[in-house]
C-alpha atoms as a PDB file:
ATOM      1  CA  UNK A   1      75.847   8.296-176.976  1.00  0.00           C
ATOM      2  CA  UNK A   2      79.212   8.633-175.193  1.00  0.00           C
ATOM      3  CA  UNK A   3      78.218  12.019-173.735  1.00  0.00           C
ATOM      4  CA  UNK A   4      75.052  10.547-172.271  1.00  0.00           C
ATOM      5  CA  UNK A   5      77.052   7.754-170.630  1.00  0.00           C
ATOM      6  CA  UNK A   6      79.400  10.300-168.961  1.00  0.00           C
ATOM      7  CA  UNK A   7      76.427  12.317-167.696  1.00  0.00           C
ATOM      8  CA  UNK A   8      74.784   9.191-166.262  1.00  0.00           C
ATOM      9  CA  UNK A   9      78.039   8.200-164.512  1.00  0.00           C
ATOM     10  CA  UNK A  10      78.300  11.653-162.906  1.00  0.00           C
ATOM     11  CA  UNK A  11      74.713  11.505-161.670  1.00  0.00           C
ATOM     12  CA  UNK A  12      75.142   8.045-160.134  1.00  0.00           C
ATOM     13  CA  UNK A  13      78.419   8.885-158.408  1.00  0.00           C
ATOM     14  CA  UNK A  14      77.892   9.539-154.693  1.00  0.00           C
ATOM     15  CA  UNK A  15      80.440  10.804-152.224  1.00  0.00           C
ATOM     16  CA  UNK A  16      80.860   9.087-148.905  1.00  0.00           C
ATOM     17  CA  UNK A  17      81.378  11.258-145.853  1.00  0.00           C
ATOM     18  CA  UNK A  18      83.917  10.001-143.311  1.00  0.00           C
ATOM     19  CA  UNK A  19      84.847  11.000-139.781  1.00  0.00           C
ATOM     20  CA  UNK A  20      88.545  11.832-140.049  1.00  0.00           C
ATOM     21  CA  UNK A  21      91.454  12.899-137.895  1.00  0.00           C
ATOM     22  CA  UNK A  22      93.335  15.863-139.281  1.00  0.00           C
ATOM     23  CA  UNK A  23      96.993  15.496-138.328  1.00  0.00           C
ATOM     24  CA  UNK A  24      99.435  18.409-138.306  1.00  0.00           C
ATOM     25  CA  UNK A  25     103.198  18.163-138.704  1.00  0.00           C
ATOM     26  CA  UNK A  26     103.562  19.513-135.136  1.00  0.00           C
ATOM     27  CA  UNK A  27     101.616  16.516-133.798  1.00  0.00           C
ATOM     28  CA  UNK A  28      98.260  18.183-133.105  1.00  0.00           C
ATOM     29  CA  UNK A  29      95.158  16.200-134.096  1.00  0.00           C
ATOM     30  CA  UNK A  30      91.638  17.417-134.826  1.00  0.00           C
ATOM     31  CA  UNK A  31      88.430  15.462-135.444  1.00  0.00           C
ATOM     32  CA  UNK A  32      86.361  16.502-138.435  1.00  0.00           C
ATOM     33  CA  UNK A  33      84.355  15.165-141.348  1.00  0.00           C
ATOM     34  CA  UNK A  34      85.453  14.931-144.956  1.00  0.00           C
ATOM     35  CA  UNK A  35      85.094  12.995-148.174  1.00  0.00           C
ATOM     36  CA  UNK A  36      88.783  12.083-147.827  1.00  0.00           C
ATOM     37  CA  UNK A  37      89.744   9.282-145.471  1.00  0.00           C
ATOM     38  CA  UNK A  38      92.709  11.037-143.853  1.00  0.00           C
ATOM     39  CA  UNK A  39      94.157  14.547-143.937  1.00  0.00           C
ATOM     40  CA  UNK A  40      97.704  15.679-143.123  1.00  0.00           C
ATOM     41  CA  UNK A  41      98.549  19.398-142.893  1.00  0.00           C
ATOM     42  CA  UNK A  42     101.855  21.239-142.503  1.00  0.00           C
ATOM     43  CA  UNK A  43     100.636  24.004-140.218  1.00  0.00           C
ATOM     44  CA  UNK A  44      97.681  24.454-137.859  1.00  0.00           C
ATOM     45  CA  UNK A  45      96.358  26.912-135.273  1.00  0.00           C
ATOM     46  CA  UNK A  46      98.636  25.394-132.599  1.00  0.00           C
ATOM     47  CA  UNK A  47     101.855  26.086-134.486  1.00  0.00           C
ATOM     48  CA  UNK A  48     101.046  29.016-136.831  1.00  0.00           C
ATOM     49  CA  UNK A  49     102.941  32.189-135.818  1.00  0.00           C
ATOM     50  CA  UNK A  50      99.839  34.370-136.241  1.00  0.00           C
ATOM     51  CA  UNK A  51      97.938  32.434-133.580  1.00  0.00           C
ATOM     52  CA  UNK A  52     100.846  31.695-131.251  1.00  0.00           C
ATOM     53  CA  UNK A  53     102.156  35.267-131.216  1.00  0.00           C
ATOM     54  CA  UNK A  54     105.597  33.908-131.926  1.00  0.00           C
ATOM     55  CA  UNK A  55     107.610  35.787-134.496  1.00  0.00           C
ATOM     56  CA  UNK A  56     109.740  33.741-136.859  1.00  0.00           C
ATOM     57  CA  UNK A  57     112.237  35.253-139.224  1.00  0.00           C
ATOM     58  CA  UNK A  58     112.432  33.173-142.335  1.00  0.00           C
ATOM     59  CA  UNK A  59     114.668  35.522-144.263  1.00  0.00           C
ATOM     60  CA  UNK A  60     117.203  37.771-142.544  1.00  0.00           C
ATOM     61  CA  UNK A  61     118.614  39.337-145.702  1.00  0.00           C
ATOM     62  CA  UNK A  62     116.591  41.630-147.927  1.00  0.00           C
ATOM     63  CA  UNK A  63     115.820  40.895-151.553  1.00  0.00           C
ATOM     64  CA  UNK A  64     118.150  43.566-152.892  1.00  0.00           C
ATOM     65  CA  UNK A  65     121.072  42.288-150.835  1.00  0.00           C
ATOM     66  CA  UNK A  66     120.493  38.732-152.026  1.00  0.00           C
ATOM     67  CA  UNK A  67     120.318  39.916-155.654  1.00  0.00           C
ATOM     68  CA  UNK A  68     123.565  41.859-155.312  1.00  0.00           C
ATOM     69  CA  UNK A  69     125.256  38.915-153.605  1.00  0.00           C
ATOM     70  CA  UNK A  70     124.033  36.465-156.245  1.00  0.00           C
ATOM     71  CA  UNK A  71     125.286  38.523-159.171  1.00  0.00           C
ATOM     72  CA  UNK A  72     128.336  39.864-157.314  1.00  0.00           C
ATOM     73  CA  UNK A  73     127.312  43.512-157.645  1.00  0.00           C
ATOM     74  CA  UNK A  74     128.468  46.322-155.362  1.00  0.00           C
END
């Protein structure tokens, strides 16, 4: 009986589709549609290095150098 109730609840559940503004951390906004009411993203096509052609160095040291430095190896 409990399984049938869960199945009926899933069948009766409908998703509502909203017009939303997707907001990026850089300040860019896009209009779209979603089942969520608002969307915030960290990176978009306006600020992603692949699309901007800008090269960003996140890590200047290599992994081996960091390992040696961490464990004080020569």
